Amino acid sequence: MSHIIFLHGASSSGKTSIARQLQAKVGFPYWHISIDHLRDSGVLPMERFRNGDFDWANERDKFFAGFHASLKAYADAGNNLIVEHILEKDEWLTHLKEILKGHDIFFTGIHCPPDILTEREITRGDRPLGSALKDFYHIHLNKTYDLELDSTESIESNVELIILALKAKYRKLNFT
């Protein structure tokens, strides 16, 4: 059984910073996986989507179906994962719970106030303005988490909270 630390939060909420620090501190090898990695590495033909050669709306559902299936494949192969994701659709959570049965998922909600999300989004400059706020208003609705974090707190303290919660949940494993 693989362990999956699932970081769920709005765009620009701090998931990547937390994931990187967590991966560096946790006492087992964890793959850090996000959609941004696929976008930024060139896996997705982003320039062709941007210039209109391809229509993202036509490809989006296939992309997410493949991304979700890849998480199952990585976990089924025995890899521990730190997954960053924005569950834009409730069906995605239902589907992920189903396909990842047999693996232990530590579901973590990453919260950030709307003014900070907007500020971070503007600073990043790589997201459509307003996407973080759009996420903010709906992605956490009807979600139950193992742990909820405020990303305005320090990355170090949030990572420590995750590690402490993991230690409490998996008393037999040494996470640091």
Protein backbone atom coordinates (compact mmCIF):
# COMPACT_ATOMS: atom_id res chain seq x y z
CA MET A 1 0.00 0.00 0.00
CA SER A 2 1.34 3.39 -0.99
CA HIS A 3 0.87 6.56 1.00
CA ILE A 4 -0.54 9.58 -0.78
CA ILE A 5 -0.34 13.04 0.76
CA PHE A 6 -2.97 14.95 -1.21
CA LEU A 7 -2.67 18.75 -1.06
CA HIS A 8 -5.89 20.39 -2.16
CA GLY A 9 -6.20 24.15 -2.46
CA ALA A 10 -6.89 27.02 -4.79
CA SER A 11 -4.44 28.10 -7.42
CA SER A 12 -1.67 30.16 -5.76
CA SER A 13 -2.58 28.87 -2.28
CA GLY A 14 0.93 27.59 -1.56
CA LYS A 15 0.62 23.89 -2.40
CA THR A 16 3.90 23.73 -4.33
CA SER A 17 5.95 25.42 -1.60
CA ILE A 18 4.52 23.08 1.02
CA ALA A 19 5.02 20.02 -1.19
CA ARG A 20 8.67 20.83 -1.91
CA GLN A 21 9.51 21.38 1.76
CA LEU A 22 7.56 18.28 2.79
CA GLN A 23 9.35 16.14 0.22
CA ALA A 24 12.69 17.40 1.57
CA LYS A 25 11.80 16.60 5.19
CA VAL A 26 9.70 13.44 5.19
CA GLY A 27 11.63 10.27 6.01
CA PHE A 28 10.52 8.20 3.01
CA PRO A 29 10.85 8.77 -0.72
CA TYR A 30 7.80 10.57 -2.06
CA TRP A 31 7.15 11.60 -5.64
CA HIS A 32 5.92 15.20 -5.90
CA ILE A 33 3.35 15.29 -8.68
CA SER A 34 1.28 18.16 -10.00
CA ILE A 35 -0.38 19.31 -13.16
CA ASP A 36 2.02 22.25 -13.19
CA HIS A 37 4.92 19.81 -13.61
CA LEU A 38 3.33 18.47 -16.78
CA ARG A 39 2.56 21.95 -18.07
CA ASP A 40 5.97 23.42 -17.26
CA SER A 41 8.04 20.46 -18.49
CA GLY A 42 6.62 20.63 -21.98
CA VAL A 43 4.50 17.48 -21.73
CA LEU A 44 1.47 19.58 -22.68
CA PRO A 45 1.68 21.59 -25.91
CA MET A 46 0.90 24.82 -24.05
CA GLU A 47 2.08 27.19 -26.77
CA ARG A 48 -0.24 25.51 -29.26
CA PHE A 49 -3.14 25.80 -26.83
CA ARG A 50 -2.30 29.48 -26.27
CA ASN A 51 -2.09 30.33 -29.96
CA GLY A 52 -5.30 28.48 -30.82
CA ASP A 53 -3.88 25.51 -32.75
CA PHE A 54 -5.58 23.25 -30.22
CA ASP A 55 -8.69 23.83 -28.13
CA TRP A 56 -8.04 23.20 -24.42
CA ALA A 57 -11.78 22.78 -23.78
CA ASN A 58 -11.78 19.77 -26.14
CA GLU A 59 -8.72 18.20 -24.50
CA ARG A 60 -9.30 19.06 -20.83
CA ASP A 61 -11.42 16.05 -19.78
CA LYS A 62 -9.00 13.61 -21.46
CA PHE A 63 -6.06 15.30 -19.78
CA PHE A 64 -7.54 15.03 -16.29
CA ALA A 65 -8.68 11.42 -16.88
CA GLY A 66 -5.09 10.59 -17.83
CA PHE A 67 -3.62 12.52 -14.93
CA HIS A 68 -5.87 10.72 -12.45
CA ALA A 69 -5.09 7.33 -14.01
CA SER A 70 -1.37 8.11 -13.76
CA LEU A 71 -1.70 8.71 -10.02
CA LYS A 72 -3.22 5.23 -9.68
CA ALA A 73 -0.42 3.73 -11.78
CA TYR A 74 2.30 5.40 -9.70
CA ALA A 75 0.69 4.30 -6.42
CA ASP A 76 -0.07 0.77 -7.68
CA ALA A 77 3.64 0.42 -8.54
CA GLY A 78 4.45 1.11 -4.87
CA ASN A 79 5.40 4.78 -5.02
CA ASN A 80 4.49 7.18 -2.22
CA LEU A 81 3.09 10.43 -3.59
CA ILE A 82 2.69 14.06 -2.66
CA VAL A 83 -0.03 15.21 -5.02
CA GLU A 84 -0.99 18.83 -5.60
CA HIS A 85 -4.40 19.22 -7.14
CA ILE A 86 -7.37 21.52 -7.46
CA LEU A 87 -10.51 19.40 -7.38
CA GLU A 88 -12.63 21.61 -9.58
CA LYS A 89 -15.36 18.99 -9.90
CA ASP A 90 -16.82 16.93 -7.05
CA GLU A 91 -16.83 13.91 -9.39
CA TRP A 92 -13.04 14.03 -9.47
CA LEU A 93 -12.80 13.39 -5.73
CA THR A 94 -15.30 10.55 -5.96
CA HIS A 95 -13.41 9.06 -8.90
CA LEU A 96 -10.00 9.43 -7.22
CA LYS A 97 -11.25 7.79 -4.02
CA GLU A 98 -12.51 4.87 -6.11
CA ILE A 99 -9.41 4.33 -8.24
CA LEU A 100 -7.03 4.84 -5.31
CA LYS A 101 -8.76 2.31 -3.05
CA GLY A 102 -6.18 0.21 -1.31
CA HIS A 103 -3.83 3.15 -0.89
CA ASP A 104 -3.76 5.38 2.11
CA ILE A 105 -4.67 8.97 1.29
CA PHE A 106 -3.91 11.80 3.72
CA PHE A 107 -6.24 14.53 2.44
CA THR A 108 -4.99 18.01 3.30
CA GLY A 109 -6.90 21.22 2.69
CA ILE A 110 -4.75 24.27 1.98
CA HIS A 111 -6.61 27.50 2.75
CA CYS A 112 -5.60 31.05 1.90
CA PRO A 113 -7.56 34.31 2.15
CA PRO A 114 -8.82 35.75 -1.15
CA ASP A 115 -6.72 38.94 -1.00
CA ILE A 116 -3.52 36.91 -0.57
CA LEU A 117 -4.53 34.52 -3.37
CA THR A 118 -5.04 37.47 -5.71
CA GLU A 119 -1.73 39.05 -4.69
CA ARG A 120 0.13 35.76 -5.26
CA GLU A 121 -1.61 35.21 -8.60
CA ILE A 122 -0.56 38.67 -9.81
CA THR A 123 3.02 38.14 -8.58
CA ARG A 124 3.26 34.76 -10.33
CA GLY A 125 1.95 36.12 -13.60
CA ASP A 126 1.43 32.64 -15.07
CA ARG A 127 -2.28 32.20 -14.34
CA PRO A 128 -5.36 33.87 -15.74
CA LEU A 129 -6.29 36.62 -13.30
CA GLY A 130 -9.27 35.57 -11.21
CA SER A 131 -8.68 31.82 -11.39
CA ALA A 132 -7.54 31.66 -7.76
CA LEU A 133 -10.66 33.50 -6.58
CA LYS A 134 -12.84 31.25 -8.69
CA ASP A 135 -11.26 28.24 -6.93
CA PHE A 136 -11.53 29.89 -3.52
CA TYR A 137 -15.29 30.15 -3.62
CA HIS A 138 -16.09 26.52 -4.36
CA ILE A 139 -13.32 23.93 -4.12
CA HIS A 140 -13.44 23.41 -0.34
CA LEU A 141 -17.22 23.08 -0.17
CA ASN A 142 -18.39 19.69 1.14
CA LYS A 143 -14.84 18.39 1.60
CA THR A 144 -13.65 16.63 4.74
CA TYR A 145 -9.94 16.71 5.36
CA ASP A 146 -7.50 14.81 7.57
CA LEU A 147 -5.80 18.16 8.16
CA GLU A 148 -6.51 21.77 7.20
CA LEU A 149 -3.77 24.36 6.91
CA ASP A 150 -3.61 28.13 6.61
CA SER A 151 -0.96 28.91 4.01
CA THR A 152 -0.41 32.39 5.42
CA GLU A 153 1.44 30.59 8.22
CA SER A 154 5.06 29.71 7.53
CA ILE A 155 5.83 26.85 5.18
CA GLU A 156 7.97 25.29 7.89
CA SER A 157 5.17 25.30 10.46
CA ASN A 158 2.68 23.87 7.96
CA VAL A 159 5.08 21.10 6.98
CA GLU A 160 5.68 20.35 10.66
CA LEU A 161 1.90 20.12 11.20
CA ILE A 162 1.63 17.63 8.34
CA ILE A 163 4.48 15.53 9.68
CA LEU A 164 3.01 15.53 13.20
CA ALA A 165 -0.39 14.50 11.82
CA LEU A 166 1.23 11.74 9.76
CA LYS A 167 3.10 10.49 12.83
CA ALA A 168 -0.16 10.41 14.77
CA LYS A 169 -1.98 8.56 12.00
CA TYR A 170 0.81 6.08 11.27
CA ARG A 171 2.34 5.51 14.67
CA LYS A 172 4.50 2.62 13.45
CA LEU A 173 6.22 4.65 10.72
CA ASN A 174 8.96 7.20 11.22
CA PHE A 175 8.16 10.16 8.97
CA THR A 176 11.29 12.16 9.78
